[in-house]
N, C-alpha and C. Protein backbone atom coordinates (compact mmCIF):
# COMPACT_ATOMS: atom_id res chain seq x y z
N MET A 1 -79.53 -71.29 -226.75
CA MET A 1 -80.04 -72.66 -226.74
C MET A 1 -81.56 -72.61 -226.59
N LYS A 2 -82.25 -73.28 -227.47
CA LYS A 2 -83.71 -73.35 -227.42
C LYS A 2 -84.14 -74.35 -226.35
N ALA A 3 -85.07 -73.94 -225.50
CA ALA A 3 -85.56 -74.81 -224.43
C ALA A 3 -86.49 -75.88 -225.02
N PRO A 4 -86.24 -77.15 -224.68
CA PRO A 4 -87.09 -78.21 -225.21
C PRO A 4 -88.42 -78.30 -224.46
N GLN A 5 -89.44 -78.76 -225.15
CA GLN A 5 -90.73 -79.04 -224.51
C GLN A 5 -90.74 -80.52 -224.17
N ILE A 6 -90.84 -80.82 -222.88
CA ILE A 6 -90.82 -82.20 -222.41
C ILE A 6 -92.12 -82.45 -221.66
N ASP A 7 -92.82 -83.53 -222.01
CA ASP A 7 -94.13 -83.80 -221.42
C ASP A 7 -94.06 -84.10 -219.92
N LEU A 8 -93.10 -84.91 -219.52
CA LEU A 8 -92.98 -85.28 -218.11
C LEU A 8 -91.54 -85.67 -217.82
N ILE A 9 -90.99 -85.15 -216.72
CA ILE A 9 -89.66 -85.55 -216.27
C ILE A 9 -89.80 -86.15 -214.89
N ILE A 10 -89.22 -87.33 -214.71
CA ILE A 10 -89.21 -87.98 -213.41
C ILE A 10 -87.75 -88.12 -213.01
N GLU A 11 -87.35 -87.41 -211.97
CA GLU A 11 -85.98 -87.47 -211.47
C GLU A 11 -85.99 -88.31 -210.20
N ARG A 12 -85.33 -89.45 -210.27
CA ARG A 12 -85.38 -90.40 -209.16
C ARG A 12 -84.16 -90.25 -208.24
N ARG A 13 -84.29 -90.76 -207.04
CA ARG A 13 -83.20 -90.69 -206.06
C ARG A 13 -81.99 -91.53 -206.45
N ASP A 14 -82.18 -92.50 -207.33
CA ASP A 14 -81.07 -93.35 -207.74
C ASP A 14 -80.32 -92.78 -208.95
N CYS A 15 -80.47 -91.46 -209.18
CA CYS A 15 -79.77 -90.72 -210.24
C CYS A 15 -80.20 -91.14 -211.64
N VAL A 16 -81.44 -91.56 -211.79
CA VAL A 16 -82.01 -91.85 -213.10
C VAL A 16 -83.04 -90.78 -213.41
N ILE A 17 -82.96 -90.23 -214.61
CA ILE A 17 -83.93 -89.23 -215.06
C ILE A 17 -84.72 -89.84 -216.20
N ASN A 18 -86.04 -89.91 -216.05
CA ASN A 18 -86.91 -90.41 -217.11
C ASN A 18 -87.50 -89.22 -217.86
N LEU A 19 -87.20 -89.14 -219.16
CA LEU A 19 -87.79 -88.12 -220.02
C LEU A 19 -88.96 -88.78 -220.74
N CYS A 20 -90.17 -88.40 -220.36
CA CYS A 20 -91.36 -89.06 -220.90
C CYS A 20 -91.96 -88.25 -222.05
N GLU A 21 -92.16 -88.91 -223.15
CA GLU A 21 -92.83 -88.35 -224.32
C GLU A 21 -94.18 -89.05 -224.42
N MET A 22 -95.26 -88.26 -224.45
CA MET A 22 -96.60 -88.83 -224.50
C MET A 22 -97.26 -88.48 -225.82
N LYS A 23 -97.77 -89.50 -226.50
CA LYS A 23 -98.42 -89.30 -227.79
C LYS A 23 -99.82 -89.89 -227.76
N PHE A 24 -100.81 -89.05 -228.04
CA PHE A 24 -102.17 -89.54 -228.17
C PHE A 24 -102.51 -89.61 -229.65
N CYS A 25 -102.83 -90.79 -230.11
CA CYS A 25 -103.20 -91.01 -231.51
C CYS A 25 -104.39 -91.96 -231.53
N CYS A 26 -105.13 -91.93 -232.63
CA CYS A 26 -106.26 -92.85 -232.78
C CYS A 26 -105.83 -94.15 -233.45
N GLU A 27 -104.55 -94.28 -233.68
CA GLU A 27 -103.98 -95.51 -234.25
C GLU A 27 -102.53 -95.61 -233.77
N GLU A 28 -101.82 -96.62 -234.23
CA GLU A 28 -100.43 -96.78 -233.83
C GLU A 28 -99.62 -95.55 -234.24
N PHE A 29 -98.71 -95.14 -233.36
CA PHE A 29 -97.85 -93.99 -233.63
C PHE A 29 -96.64 -94.44 -234.44
N PHE A 30 -96.30 -93.71 -235.48
CA PHE A 30 -95.16 -94.06 -236.33
C PHE A 30 -93.97 -93.19 -235.96
N ILE A 31 -92.86 -93.83 -235.60
CA ILE A 31 -91.64 -93.10 -235.27
C ILE A 31 -90.80 -92.98 -236.54
N ASP A 32 -90.59 -91.73 -236.97
CA ASP A 32 -89.73 -91.50 -238.12
C ASP A 32 -88.41 -90.88 -237.63
N LYS A 33 -87.52 -90.64 -238.57
CA LYS A 33 -86.19 -90.15 -238.22
C LYS A 33 -86.26 -88.78 -237.55
N SER A 34 -87.14 -87.89 -238.00
CA SER A 34 -87.22 -86.55 -237.41
C SER A 34 -87.68 -86.61 -235.95
N PHE A 35 -88.63 -87.50 -235.65
CA PHE A 35 -89.09 -87.65 -234.27
C PHE A 35 -87.95 -88.19 -233.40
N TYR A 36 -87.26 -89.19 -233.90
CA TYR A 36 -86.13 -89.77 -233.18
C TYR A 36 -85.06 -88.71 -232.89
N LEU A 37 -84.72 -87.90 -233.89
CA LEU A 37 -83.70 -86.87 -233.71
C LEU A 37 -84.14 -85.81 -232.71
N LYS A 38 -85.43 -85.48 -232.70
CA LYS A 38 -85.97 -84.52 -231.75
C LYS A 38 -85.83 -85.04 -230.32
N VAL A 39 -86.13 -86.30 -230.12
CA VAL A 39 -86.01 -86.91 -228.80
C VAL A 39 -84.54 -86.94 -228.36
N ARG A 40 -83.65 -87.29 -229.26
CA ARG A 40 -82.22 -87.34 -228.93
C ARG A 40 -81.69 -85.95 -228.59
N GLU A 41 -82.17 -84.92 -229.28
CA GLU A 41 -81.75 -83.55 -228.99
C GLU A 41 -82.20 -83.13 -227.59
N ARG A 42 -83.41 -83.50 -227.22
CA ARG A 42 -83.90 -83.21 -225.85
C ARG A 42 -83.02 -83.90 -224.82
N GLU A 43 -82.68 -85.14 -225.09
CA GLU A 43 -81.82 -85.88 -224.17
C GLU A 43 -80.47 -85.19 -224.02
N LYS A 44 -79.92 -84.72 -225.11
CA LYS A 44 -78.63 -84.03 -225.08
C LYS A 44 -78.71 -82.75 -224.24
N ILE A 45 -79.76 -81.96 -224.43
CA ILE A 45 -79.93 -80.71 -223.68
C ILE A 45 -80.07 -80.98 -222.19
N VAL A 46 -80.87 -81.98 -221.83
CA VAL A 46 -81.06 -82.32 -220.42
C VAL A 46 -79.76 -82.85 -219.82
N SER A 47 -79.00 -83.62 -220.58
CA SER A 47 -77.74 -84.17 -220.05
C SER A 47 -76.73 -83.07 -219.74
N GLU A 48 -76.83 -81.94 -220.42
CA GLU A 48 -75.91 -80.83 -220.17
C GLU A 48 -76.20 -80.13 -218.84
N ILE A 49 -77.43 -80.21 -218.36
CA ILE A 49 -77.77 -79.54 -217.10
C ILE A 49 -78.00 -80.52 -215.94
N ALA A 50 -78.08 -81.80 -216.26
CA ALA A 50 -78.30 -82.83 -215.23
C ALA A 50 -76.99 -83.09 -214.49
N PRO A 51 -77.09 -83.63 -213.28
CA PRO A 51 -75.87 -84.04 -212.58
C PRO A 51 -75.06 -85.02 -213.43
N LYS A 52 -73.75 -84.93 -213.33
CA LYS A 52 -72.85 -85.75 -214.18
C LYS A 52 -73.08 -87.25 -214.01
N LYS A 53 -73.45 -87.68 -212.82
CA LYS A 53 -73.64 -89.12 -212.59
C LYS A 53 -75.03 -89.62 -212.99
N ALA A 54 -75.90 -88.72 -213.43
CA ALA A 54 -77.27 -89.11 -213.78
C ALA A 54 -77.31 -89.91 -215.08
N VAL A 55 -78.24 -90.86 -215.12
CA VAL A 55 -78.51 -91.65 -216.32
C VAL A 55 -79.86 -91.20 -216.85
N ILE A 56 -79.94 -90.97 -218.16
CA ILE A 56 -81.18 -90.48 -218.75
C ILE A 56 -81.83 -91.59 -219.56
N HIS A 57 -83.11 -91.86 -219.27
CA HIS A 57 -83.88 -92.84 -220.02
C HIS A 57 -85.02 -92.11 -220.74
N ASN A 58 -85.17 -92.40 -222.02
CA ASN A 58 -86.31 -91.90 -222.78
C ASN A 58 -87.46 -92.88 -222.62
N VAL A 59 -88.63 -92.35 -222.33
CA VAL A 59 -89.83 -93.18 -222.13
C VAL A 59 -90.90 -92.68 -223.09
N LEU A 60 -91.49 -93.59 -223.86
CA LEU A 60 -92.57 -93.24 -224.77
C LEU A 60 -93.87 -93.85 -224.25
N ILE A 61 -94.90 -93.00 -224.12
CA ILE A 61 -96.21 -93.44 -223.66
C ILE A 61 -97.20 -93.14 -224.78
N THR A 62 -97.87 -94.18 -225.28
CA THR A 62 -98.82 -94.00 -226.39
C THR A 62 -100.15 -94.66 -226.04
N THR A 63 -101.16 -94.35 -226.84
CA THR A 63 -102.48 -94.95 -226.62
C THR A 63 -102.62 -96.27 -227.35
N PHE A 64 -102.07 -96.39 -228.56
CA PHE A 64 -102.28 -97.59 -229.37
C PHE A 64 -100.98 -98.24 -229.85
N GLY A 65 -99.88 -97.95 -229.21
CA GLY A 65 -98.63 -98.58 -229.59
C GLY A 65 -97.90 -97.87 -230.71
N VAL A 66 -96.90 -98.55 -231.25
CA VAL A 66 -96.00 -97.98 -232.25
C VAL A 66 -95.86 -98.94 -233.41
N LYS A 67 -95.67 -98.36 -234.60
CA LYS A 67 -95.43 -99.20 -235.78
C LYS A 67 -94.23 -98.67 -236.55
N GLY A 68 -93.65 -99.54 -237.35
CA GLY A 68 -92.63 -99.11 -238.29
C GLY A 68 -91.19 -99.18 -237.82
N VAL A 69 -90.95 -99.41 -236.53
CA VAL A 69 -89.57 -99.47 -236.04
C VAL A 69 -89.47 -100.50 -234.92
N ASP A 70 -88.24 -100.85 -234.60
CA ASP A 70 -88.00 -101.65 -233.40
C ASP A 70 -87.94 -100.67 -232.24
N ILE A 71 -89.02 -100.53 -231.51
CA ILE A 71 -89.17 -99.50 -230.49
C ILE A 71 -88.08 -99.56 -229.43
N LEU A 72 -87.61 -100.73 -229.09
CA LEU A 72 -86.62 -100.84 -228.03
C LEU A 72 -85.26 -100.26 -228.42
N LEU A 73 -85.03 -100.04 -229.71
CA LEU A 73 -83.80 -99.38 -230.13
C LEU A 73 -83.80 -97.91 -229.73
N PHE A 74 -84.98 -97.30 -229.69
CA PHE A 74 -85.10 -95.87 -229.42
C PHE A 74 -85.52 -95.56 -227.99
N PHE A 75 -86.39 -96.38 -227.44
CA PHE A 75 -86.93 -96.13 -226.11
C PHE A 75 -86.77 -97.40 -225.28
N PRO A 76 -85.86 -97.40 -224.31
CA PRO A 76 -85.69 -98.60 -223.49
C PRO A 76 -86.92 -98.91 -222.65
N VAL A 77 -87.74 -97.88 -222.40
CA VAL A 77 -88.99 -98.08 -221.65
C VAL A 77 -90.13 -97.64 -222.55
N PHE A 78 -91.09 -98.53 -222.76
CA PHE A 78 -92.22 -98.24 -223.65
C PHE A 78 -93.49 -98.67 -222.96
N LEU A 79 -94.42 -97.74 -222.78
CA LEU A 79 -95.69 -98.03 -222.12
C LEU A 79 -96.83 -97.81 -223.10
N GLN A 80 -97.75 -98.76 -223.14
CA GLN A 80 -98.93 -98.63 -224.02
C GLN A 80 -100.17 -98.81 -223.19
């Protein structure tokens, strides 16, 4: 199994794990299918080693926002 590169993991006491992906761009970041699949694969790998009762949230942090998709479908937490 290939180890994923994750920018920031926040493991909270309430059994929520935030997987943070940080993107620095000089314009809006475009989420395509390959990026989405990469994030989902990381989530799957972390879920295999996380406690069974843990909930995993993907978090995207960008400098200028996102274009091209409905961001809330992919990332329930989005920070700009």
